[in-house]
Amino acid sequence: MTKAEIIAEISSKTGIEKVDVQETVEAFFKVVKGSMVAGENVYVRGFGSFVVKKRAKKTARNISKNTAIIIPEHFVPSFKPAKTFVEKVKSGNKTAKASK
């Protein structure tokens, strides 16, 4: 499902204009991104958590040149679904997976 499909579905279910729904969805993503760039985690009860994870400094290998590369410590965005969300997905329609 794409962002455009999500916007269309929200618009049809709520009766709100697609333009207004798009502005709201874009604002939500902008707030989440801004918070995570600032190092803050975002918690949405019943859905999940957008968290910033720290990756430690490590040594990697460049196989083509046979050299060692130092990868400095850095931060990456991550999503951890809520337990209720995971359970709903697990108990969801099993035939959808089989047909794909």
N, C-alpha and C. Protein backbone atom coordinates (compact mmCIF):
# COMPACT_ATOMS: atom_id res chain seq x y z
N MET A 1 0.85 -1.17 0.00
CA MET A 1 0.00 0.00 0.00
C MET A 1 0.89 1.24 0.00
N THR A 2 0.61 2.16 -0.91
CA THR A 2 1.41 3.38 -1.01
C THR A 2 0.79 4.50 -0.18
N LYS A 3 1.56 5.59 -0.03
CA LYS A 3 1.05 6.73 0.73
C LYS A 3 -0.21 7.29 0.06
N ALA A 4 -0.23 7.33 -1.27
CA ALA A 4 -1.40 7.84 -1.99
C ALA A 4 -2.63 6.96 -1.72
N GLU A 5 -2.43 5.64 -1.66
CA GLU A 5 -3.54 4.73 -1.36
C GLU A 5 -4.03 4.91 0.07
N ILE A 6 -3.11 5.14 0.99
CA ILE A 6 -3.49 5.38 2.38
C ILE A 6 -4.32 6.66 2.48
N ILE A 7 -3.88 7.71 1.80
CA ILE A 7 -4.60 8.99 1.81
C ILE A 7 -5.99 8.81 1.22
N ALA A 8 -6.10 8.09 0.10
CA ALA A 8 -7.40 7.87 -0.53
C ALA A 8 -8.34 7.09 0.38
N GLU A 9 -7.81 6.07 1.08
CA GLU A 9 -8.65 5.26 1.97
C GLU A 9 -9.12 6.06 3.18
N ILE A 10 -8.22 6.85 3.77
CA ILE A 10 -8.62 7.69 4.91
C ILE A 10 -9.67 8.69 4.47
N SER A 11 -9.48 9.27 3.30
CA SER A 11 -10.43 10.24 2.78
C SER A 11 -11.81 9.62 2.57
N SER A 12 -11.85 8.42 2.01
CA SER A 12 -13.14 7.78 1.76
C SER A 12 -13.83 7.33 3.05
N LYS A 13 -13.04 6.93 4.06
CA LYS A 13 -13.63 6.47 5.33
C LYS A 13 -14.10 7.62 6.21
N THR A 14 -13.43 8.78 6.11
CA THR A 14 -13.77 9.90 7.00
C THR A 14 -14.59 10.98 6.33
N GLY A 15 -14.56 11.02 4.99
CA GLY A 15 -15.28 12.07 4.28
C GLY A 15 -14.51 13.38 4.22
N ILE A 16 -13.26 13.37 4.68
CA ILE A 16 -12.41 14.56 4.64
C ILE A 16 -11.76 14.62 3.26
N GLU A 17 -11.59 15.83 2.73
CA GLU A 17 -10.98 16.01 1.41
C GLU A 17 -9.58 15.41 1.37
N LYS A 18 -9.21 14.84 0.22
CA LYS A 18 -7.89 14.21 0.07
C LYS A 18 -6.77 15.20 0.33
N VAL A 19 -6.95 16.46 -0.08
CA VAL A 19 -5.91 17.47 0.13
C VAL A 19 -5.64 17.67 1.62
N ASP A 20 -6.70 17.72 2.42
CA ASP A 20 -6.56 17.91 3.86
C ASP A 20 -5.92 16.69 4.51
N VAL A 21 -6.32 15.51 4.06
CA VAL A 21 -5.73 14.27 4.59
C VAL A 21 -4.25 14.21 4.24
N GLN A 22 -3.91 14.59 3.00
CA GLN A 22 -2.51 14.57 2.58
C GLN A 22 -1.67 15.51 3.43
N GLU A 23 -2.17 16.72 3.69
CA GLU A 23 -1.44 17.67 4.53
C GLU A 23 -1.23 17.12 5.93
N THR A 24 -2.24 16.45 6.47
CA THR A 24 -2.14 15.87 7.81
C THR A 24 -1.12 14.73 7.84
N VAL A 25 -1.17 13.85 6.86
CA VAL A 25 -0.24 12.72 6.80
C VAL A 25 1.19 13.23 6.62
N GLU A 26 1.37 14.21 5.73
CA GLU A 26 2.70 14.79 5.52
C GLU A 26 3.22 15.46 6.81
N ALA A 27 2.34 16.16 7.52
CA ALA A 27 2.73 16.81 8.77
C ALA A 27 3.14 15.77 9.81
N PHE A 28 2.40 14.64 9.88
CA PHE A 28 2.74 13.58 10.81
C PHE A 28 4.15 13.05 10.53
N PHE A 29 4.42 12.74 9.27
CA PHE A 29 5.74 12.22 8.92
C PHE A 29 6.84 13.24 9.18
N LYS A 30 6.55 14.51 8.93
CA LYS A 30 7.53 15.57 9.17
C LYS A 30 7.87 15.66 10.66
N VAL A 31 6.85 15.55 11.52
CA VAL A 31 7.06 15.61 12.97
C VAL A 31 7.88 14.39 13.43
N VAL A 32 7.54 13.20 12.92
CA VAL A 32 8.27 11.98 13.30
C VAL A 32 9.72 12.09 12.87
N LYS A 33 9.96 12.49 11.63
CA LYS A 33 11.34 12.63 11.13
C LYS A 33 12.12 13.65 11.94
N GLY A 34 11.49 14.81 12.19
CA GLY A 34 12.16 15.87 12.95
C GLY A 34 12.52 15.43 14.36
N SER A 35 11.61 14.71 14.99
CA SER A 35 11.88 14.22 16.35
C SER A 35 13.02 13.22 16.35
N MET A 36 13.03 12.33 15.37
CA MET A 36 14.07 11.31 15.33
C MET A 36 15.43 11.91 14.98
N VAL A 37 15.46 12.91 14.10
CA VAL A 37 16.71 13.60 13.78
C VAL A 37 17.27 14.27 15.03
N ALA A 38 16.37 14.78 15.89
CA ALA A 38 16.77 15.42 17.14
C ALA A 38 17.14 14.40 18.21
N GLY A 39 17.00 13.10 17.91
CA GLY A 39 17.38 12.06 18.86
C GLY A 39 16.25 11.61 19.77
N GLU A 40 15.03 12.06 19.50
CA GLU A 40 13.89 11.69 20.33
C GLU A 40 13.15 10.51 19.72
N ASN A 41 12.67 9.61 20.57
CA ASN A 41 11.85 8.50 20.11
C ASN A 41 10.39 8.94 20.05
N VAL A 42 9.60 8.29 19.18
CA VAL A 42 8.19 8.61 19.02
C VAL A 42 7.39 7.36 19.35
N TYR A 43 6.47 7.46 20.31
CA TYR A 43 5.68 6.32 20.75
C TYR A 43 4.21 6.53 20.37
N VAL A 44 3.64 5.58 19.62
CA VAL A 44 2.23 5.64 19.24
C VAL A 44 1.56 4.41 19.87
N ARG A 45 0.83 4.62 20.96
CA ARG A 45 0.22 3.53 21.71
C ARG A 45 -0.69 2.68 20.81
N GLY A 46 -0.51 1.38 20.86
CA GLY A 46 -1.31 0.45 20.08
C GLY A 46 -0.79 0.23 18.67
N PHE A 47 0.19 1.02 18.24
CA PHE A 47 0.76 0.88 16.90
C PHE A 47 2.22 0.47 16.98
N GLY A 48 3.04 1.29 17.64
CA GLY A 48 4.45 0.95 17.78
C GLY A 48 5.28 2.16 18.12
N SER A 49 6.60 1.95 18.09
CA SER A 49 7.54 2.99 18.46
C SER A 49 8.54 3.21 17.34
N PHE A 50 8.77 4.48 17.02
CA PHE A 50 9.83 4.86 16.10
C PHE A 50 11.00 5.24 16.99
N VAL A 51 12.07 4.46 16.95
CA VAL A 51 13.18 4.68 17.87
C VAL A 51 14.48 4.90 17.10
N VAL A 52 15.38 5.64 17.76
CA VAL A 52 16.71 5.89 17.22
C VAL A 52 17.65 4.90 17.89
N LYS A 53 18.31 4.06 17.08
CA LYS A 53 19.23 3.06 17.62
C LYS A 53 20.66 3.47 17.34
N LYS A 54 21.53 3.21 18.31
CA LYS A 54 22.94 3.53 18.18
C LYS A 54 23.69 2.30 17.69
N ARG A 55 24.43 2.45 16.62
CA ARG A 55 25.28 1.37 16.10
C ARG A 55 26.71 1.66 16.55
N ALA A 56 27.35 0.68 17.14
CA ALA A 56 28.70 0.85 17.66
C ALA A 56 29.73 0.92 16.53
N LYS A 57 30.88 1.49 16.83
CA LYS A 57 32.00 1.53 15.89
C LYS A 57 32.43 0.11 15.60
N LYS A 58 32.75 -0.18 14.33
CA LYS A 58 33.18 -1.54 14.00
C LYS A 58 34.14 -1.52 12.83
N THR A 59 34.83 -2.63 12.68
CA THR A 59 35.76 -2.81 11.56
C THR A 59 35.11 -3.71 10.53
N ALA A 60 35.11 -3.26 9.28
CA ALA A 60 34.54 -4.05 8.19
C ALA A 60 35.62 -4.32 7.16
N ARG A 61 35.34 -5.18 6.19
CA ARG A 61 36.31 -5.52 5.16
C ARG A 61 35.78 -5.09 3.79
N ASN A 62 36.66 -4.46 3.00
CA ASN A 62 36.36 -4.21 1.60
C ASN A 62 36.96 -5.38 0.84
N ILE A 63 36.12 -6.31 0.42
CA ILE A 63 36.59 -7.57 -0.17
C ILE A 63 37.33 -7.33 -1.48
N SER A 64 36.86 -6.39 -2.31
CA SER A 64 37.49 -6.18 -3.61
C SER A 64 38.91 -5.64 -3.49
N LYS A 65 39.18 -4.80 -2.48
CA LYS A 65 40.53 -4.25 -2.29
C LYS A 65 41.29 -4.96 -1.17
N ASN A 66 40.62 -5.86 -0.46
CA ASN A 66 41.20 -6.60 0.66
C ASN A 66 41.79 -5.65 1.71
N THR A 67 40.99 -4.66 2.11
CA THR A 67 41.42 -3.71 3.12
C THR A 67 40.38 -3.63 4.24
N ALA A 68 40.85 -3.18 5.39
CA ALA A 68 39.96 -2.99 6.53
C ALA A 68 39.42 -1.57 6.51
N ILE A 69 38.15 -1.42 6.86
CA ILE A 69 37.51 -0.11 6.92
C ILE A 69 36.92 0.06 8.32
N ILE A 70 37.15 1.22 8.89
CA ILE A 70 36.55 1.52 10.19
C ILE A 70 35.23 2.24 9.94
N ILE A 71 34.14 1.67 10.43
CA ILE A 71 32.83 2.31 10.34
C ILE A 71 32.58 2.97 11.69
N PRO A 72 32.48 4.30 11.71
CA PRO A 72 32.30 4.98 13.00
C PRO A 72 30.92 4.70 13.61
N GLU A 73 30.81 4.99 14.90
CA GLU A 73 29.52 4.82 15.56
C GLU A 73 28.52 5.78 14.91
N HIS A 74 27.28 5.32 14.74
CA HIS A 74 26.26 6.14 14.09
C HIS A 74 24.88 5.73 14.59
N PHE A 75 23.89 6.51 14.22
CA PHE A 75 22.51 6.27 14.65
C PHE A 75 21.65 5.93 13.44
N VAL A 76 20.70 5.00 13.63
CA VAL A 76 19.80 4.61 12.55
C VAL A 76 18.35 4.61 13.08
N PRO A 77 17.40 4.96 12.20
CA PRO A 77 16.00 4.89 12.61
C PRO A 77 15.51 3.45 12.60
N SER A 78 14.58 3.14 13.49
CA SER A 78 14.04 1.79 13.59
C SER A 78 12.58 1.88 14.02
N PHE A 79 11.81 0.83 13.69
CA PHE A 79 10.42 0.77 14.11
C PHE A 79 10.20 -0.52 14.88
N LYS A 80 9.57 -0.41 16.04
CA LYS A 80 9.24 -1.59 16.84
C LYS A 80 7.73 -1.62 17.01
N PRO A 81 7.04 -2.60 16.39
CA PRO A 81 5.58 -2.64 16.50
C PRO A 81 5.13 -2.99 17.92
N ALA A 82 3.95 -2.48 18.29
CA ALA A 82 3.36 -2.78 19.59
C ALA A 82 2.92 -4.25 19.62
N LYS A 83 2.86 -4.82 20.82
CA LYS A 83 2.47 -6.23 20.96
C LYS A 83 1.08 -6.49 20.39
N THR A 84 0.15 -5.57 20.63
CA THR A 84 -1.22 -5.76 20.11
C THR A 84 -1.23 -5.73 18.59
N PHE A 85 -0.40 -4.90 17.99
CA PHE A 85 -0.29 -4.81 16.54
C PHE A 85 0.27 -6.11 15.97
N VAL A 86 1.30 -6.64 16.61
CA VAL A 86 1.92 -7.90 16.17
C VAL A 86 0.90 -9.04 16.25
N GLU A 87 0.14 -9.09 17.33
CA GLU A 87 -0.86 -10.15 17.49
C GLU A 87 -1.94 -10.06 16.42
N LYS A 88 -2.37 -8.85 16.09
CA LYS A 88 -3.39 -8.69 15.04
C LYS A 88 -2.87 -9.16 13.69
N VAL A 89 -1.60 -8.86 13.40
CA VAL A 89 -1.02 -9.31 12.13
C VAL A 89 -0.90 -10.83 12.11
N LYS A 90 -0.47 -11.40 13.23
CA LYS A 90 -0.32 -12.86 13.31
C LYS A 90 -1.65 -13.58 13.13
N SER A 91 -2.70 -13.04 13.71
CA SER A 91 -4.01 -13.69 13.64
C SER A 91 -4.82 -13.21 12.44
N GLY A 92 -4.20 -12.41 11.56
CA GLY A 92 -4.88 -11.88 10.37
C GLY A 92 -5.17 -12.98 9.36
N ASN A 93 -5.54 -12.56 8.18
CA ASN A 93 -5.93 -13.47 7.10
C ASN A 93 -4.73 -14.30 6.64
N LYS A 94 -4.74 -15.59 6.94
CA LYS A 94 -3.63 -16.49 6.60
C LYS A 94 -3.60 -16.80 5.11
N THR A 95 -4.74 -16.73 4.43
CA THR A 95 -4.78 -17.08 2.99
C THR A 95 -4.11 -16.01 2.15
N ALA A 96 -3.99 -14.78 2.64
CA ALA A 96 -3.34 -13.71 1.87
C ALA A 96 -1.86 -14.05 1.67
N LYS A 97 -1.22 -14.62 2.69
CA LYS A 97 0.19 -15.00 2.56
C LYS A 97 0.37 -16.14 1.59
N ALA A 98 -0.53 -17.08 1.59
CA ALA A 98 -0.39 -18.26 0.74
C ALA A 98 -0.55 -17.91 -0.74
N SER A 99 -1.35 -16.89 -1.05
CA SER A 99 -1.59 -16.55 -2.45
C SER A 99 -0.48 -15.70 -3.04
N LYS A 100 0.37 -15.09 -2.21
CA LYS A 100 1.44 -14.22 -2.74
C LYS A 100 2.66 -14.97 -3.11
